[in-house]
Amino acid sequence: MTGTLGRVRLPLLVATAVLLVTGVVLGVVALRSAPAESGPALTPITVRTPGSAPPGPVPAPDPPAAGFVPPPPLGDGPDDDDADDDADDPDDDDDDDG
């Protein structure tokens, strides 16, 4: 069984290598045969779109739901678990630094 796989893989490998080398050679030949100055520069294309109405007013955001409590602000609070946590709350031991 192993011999069969070896016989199938080798021709595929050789064919792939031949195609790759052929493509590289043809690409190099095509690039070398291109003239240095192939003509005048292209003019930019201008696309005109139909006018549209200006955007309308932005609606006000919805008020928060009843009972909504905003999250606390981010920063150096007593439970931020930073290295300096014990400096602002010495009794807080959840940062595992003693």
C-alpha atoms as a PDB file:
ATOM      1  CA  MET A   1       0.000   0.000   0.000  1.00  0.00           C
ATOM      2  CA  THR A   2       2.822   2.410   0.811  1.00  0.00           C
ATOM      3  CA  GLY A   3       4.465   1.759  -2.546  1.00  0.00           C
ATOM      4  CA  THR A   4       1.309   2.822  -4.382  1.00  0.00           C
ATOM      5  CA  LEU A   5       1.158   6.146  -2.567  1.00  0.00           C
ATOM      6  CA  GLY A   6       4.800   6.789  -3.371  1.00  0.00           C
ATOM      7  CA  ARG A   7       4.181   6.118  -7.042  1.00  0.00           C
ATOM      8  CA  VAL A   8       1.250   8.552  -7.093  1.00  0.00           C
ATOM      9  CA  ARG A   9       2.895  11.347  -5.121  1.00  0.00           C
ATOM     10  CA  LEU A  10       6.114  11.551  -7.117  1.00  0.00           C
ATOM     11  CA  PRO A  11       4.499  12.329 -10.502  1.00  0.00           C
ATOM     12  CA  LEU A  12       2.234  14.912  -8.862  1.00  0.00           C
ATOM     13  CA  LEU A  13       5.224  16.530  -7.203  1.00  0.00           C
ATOM     14  CA  VAL A  14       7.161  16.608 -10.470  1.00  0.00           C
ATOM     15  CA  ALA A  15       4.177  17.997 -12.400  1.00  0.00           C
ATOM     16  CA  THR A  16       3.626  20.709  -9.778  1.00  0.00           C
ATOM     17  CA  ALA A  17       7.298  21.694  -9.847  1.00  0.00           C
ATOM     18  CA  VAL A  18       7.321  21.835 -13.661  1.00  0.00           C
ATOM     19  CA  LEU A  19       4.212  24.046 -13.736  1.00  0.00           C
ATOM     20  CA  LEU A  20       5.631  26.347 -11.073  1.00  0.00           C
ATOM     21  CA  VAL A  21       8.976  26.765 -12.836  1.00  0.00           C
ATOM     22  CA  THR A  22       7.236  27.287 -16.194  1.00  0.00           C
ATOM     23  CA  GLY A  23       5.010  29.984 -14.704  1.00  0.00           C
ATOM     24  CA  VAL A  24       7.950  31.812 -13.153  1.00  0.00           C
ATOM     25  CA  VAL A  25       9.953  31.676 -16.391  1.00  0.00           C
ATOM     26  CA  LEU A  26       7.012  32.945 -18.470  1.00  0.00           C
ATOM     27  CA  GLY A  27       6.360  35.725 -15.952  1.00  0.00           C
ATOM     28  CA  VAL A  28       9.970  36.909 -16.032  1.00  0.00           C
ATOM     29  CA  VAL A  29      10.029  36.813 -19.839  1.00  0.00           C
ATOM     30  CA  ALA A  30       6.784  38.791 -20.029  1.00  0.00           C
ATOM     31  CA  LEU A  31       8.060  41.438 -17.621  1.00  0.00           C
ATOM     32  CA  ARG A  32      11.363  41.833 -19.455  1.00  0.00           C
ATOM     33  CA  SER A  33       9.709  42.163 -22.847  1.00  0.00           C
ATOM     34  CA  ALA A  34       7.346  44.951 -21.737  1.00  0.00           C
ATOM     35  CA  PRO A  35       8.404  48.396 -22.982  1.00  0.00           C
ATOM     36  CA  ALA A  36       9.615  50.842 -20.355  1.00  0.00           C
ATOM     37  CA  GLU A  37       7.321  53.622 -21.586  1.00  0.00           C
ATOM     38  CA  SER A  38       4.080  52.044 -22.650  1.00  0.00           C
ATOM     39  CA  GLY A  39       2.209  55.265 -23.429  1.00  0.00           C
ATOM     40  CA  PRO A  40       0.736  58.343 -21.801  1.00  0.00           C
ATOM     41  CA  ALA A  41      -0.476  58.250 -18.244  1.00  0.00           C
ATOM     42  CA  LEU A  42      -4.100  57.350 -17.747  1.00  0.00           C
ATOM     43  CA  THR A  43      -6.502  60.128 -16.837  1.00  0.00           C
ATOM     44  CA  PRO A  44      -8.379  59.714 -13.582  1.00  0.00           C
ATOM     45  CA  ILE A  45     -11.989  58.615 -13.785  1.00  0.00           C
ATOM     46  CA  THR A  46     -14.563  60.965 -12.291  1.00  0.00           C
ATOM     47  CA  VAL A  47     -17.758  59.350 -11.076  1.00  0.00           C
ATOM     48  CA  ARG A  48     -20.790  61.568 -10.720  1.00  0.00           C
ATOM     49  CA  THR A  49     -23.543  60.416  -8.441  1.00  0.00           C
ATOM     50  CA  PRO A  50     -27.039  61.847  -8.230  1.00  0.00           C
ATOM     51  CA  GLY A  51     -27.625  64.295  -5.421  1.00  0.00           C
ATOM     52  CA  SER A  52     -29.307  63.119  -2.271  1.00  0.00           C
ATOM     53  CA  ALA A  53     -31.224  64.917   0.429  1.00  0.00           C
ATOM     54  CA  PRO A  54     -29.246  66.006   3.464  1.00  0.00           C
ATOM     55  CA  PRO A  55     -29.546  63.675   6.422  1.00  0.00           C
ATOM     56  CA  GLY A  56     -32.419  64.306   8.768  1.00  0.00           C
ATOM     57  CA  PRO A  57     -32.157  65.106  12.453  1.00  0.00           C
ATOM     58  CA  VAL A  58     -30.670  62.466  14.695  1.00  0.00           C
ATOM     59  CA  PRO A  59     -33.263  61.108  17.124  1.00  0.00           C
ATOM     60  CA  ALA A  60     -32.577  61.456  20.827  1.00  0.00           C
ATOM     61  CA  PRO A  61     -31.287  58.309  22.530  1.00  0.00           C
ATOM     62  CA  ASP A  62     -33.794  56.211  24.428  1.00  0.00           C
ATOM     63  CA  PRO A  63     -33.904  56.879  28.156  1.00  0.00           C
ATOM     64  CA  PRO A  64     -32.535  54.107  30.366  1.00  0.00           C
ATOM     65  CA  ALA A  65     -34.967  51.430  31.469  1.00  0.00           C
ATOM     66  CA  ALA A  66     -36.623  51.696  34.864  1.00  0.00           C
ATOM     67  CA  GLY A  67     -34.310  50.394  37.563  1.00  0.00           C
ATOM     68  CA  PHE A  68     -31.186  50.644  35.412  1.00  0.00           C
ATOM     69  CA  VAL A  69     -28.047  51.174  37.468  1.00  0.00           C
ATOM     70  CA  PRO A  70     -25.057  52.370  35.435  1.00  0.00           C
ATOM     71  CA  PRO A  71     -21.804  50.469  35.921  1.00  0.00           C
ATOM     72  CA  PRO A  72     -19.190  52.034  38.165  1.00  0.00           C
ATOM     73  CA  PRO A  73     -16.527  54.132  36.451  1.00  0.00           C
ATOM     74  CA  LEU A  74     -13.300  52.414  35.486  1.00  0.00           C
ATOM     75  CA  GLY A  75     -10.275  53.403  37.489  1.00  0.00           C
ATOM     76  CA  ASP A  76      -8.309  52.824  40.641  1.00  0.00           C
ATOM     77  CA  GLY A  77     -11.023  51.570  42.926  1.00  0.00           C
ATOM     78  CA  PRO A  78     -10.637  49.403  46.005  1.00  0.00           C
ATOM     79  CA  ASP A  79     -11.223  46.162  44.049  1.00  0.00           C
ATOM     80  CA  ASP A  80      -9.225  46.756  40.872  1.00  0.00           C
ATOM     81  CA  ASP A  81      -6.746  43.915  41.651  1.00  0.00           C
ATOM     82  CA  ASP A  82      -3.725  45.960  40.609  1.00  0.00           C
ATOM     83  CA  ALA A  83      -0.320  45.688  42.269  1.00  0.00           C
ATOM     84  CA  ASP A  84      -1.057  48.868  44.245  1.00  0.00           C
ATOM     85  CA  ASP A  85      -4.393  47.533  45.491  1.00  0.00           C
ATOM     86  CA  ASP A  86      -3.232  47.309  49.096  1.00  0.00           C
ATOM     87  CA  ALA A  87      -2.170  50.970  49.002  1.00  0.00           C
ATOM     88  CA  ASP A  88      -5.769  52.168  48.783  1.00  0.00           C
ATOM     89  CA  ASP A  89      -7.429  49.284  50.692  1.00  0.00           C
ATOM     90  CA  PRO A  90      -5.090  47.295  52.976  1.00  0.00           C
ATOM     91  CA  ASP A  91      -7.893  44.920  54.063  1.00  0.00           C
ATOM     92  CA  ASP A  92      -8.617  43.803  50.481  1.00  0.00           C
ATOM     93  CA  ASP A  93      -6.985  40.412  49.954  1.00  0.00           C
ATOM     94  CA  ASP A  94      -8.514  39.360  46.632  1.00  0.00           C
ATOM     95  CA  ASP A  95      -5.430  40.290  44.583  1.00  0.00           C
ATOM     96  CA  ASP A  96      -3.348  37.429  46.070  1.00  0.00           C
ATOM     97  CA  ASP A  97      -0.358  39.585  46.969  1.00  0.00           C
ATOM     98  CA  GLY A  98      -0.580  39.069  50.678  1.00  0.00           C
END
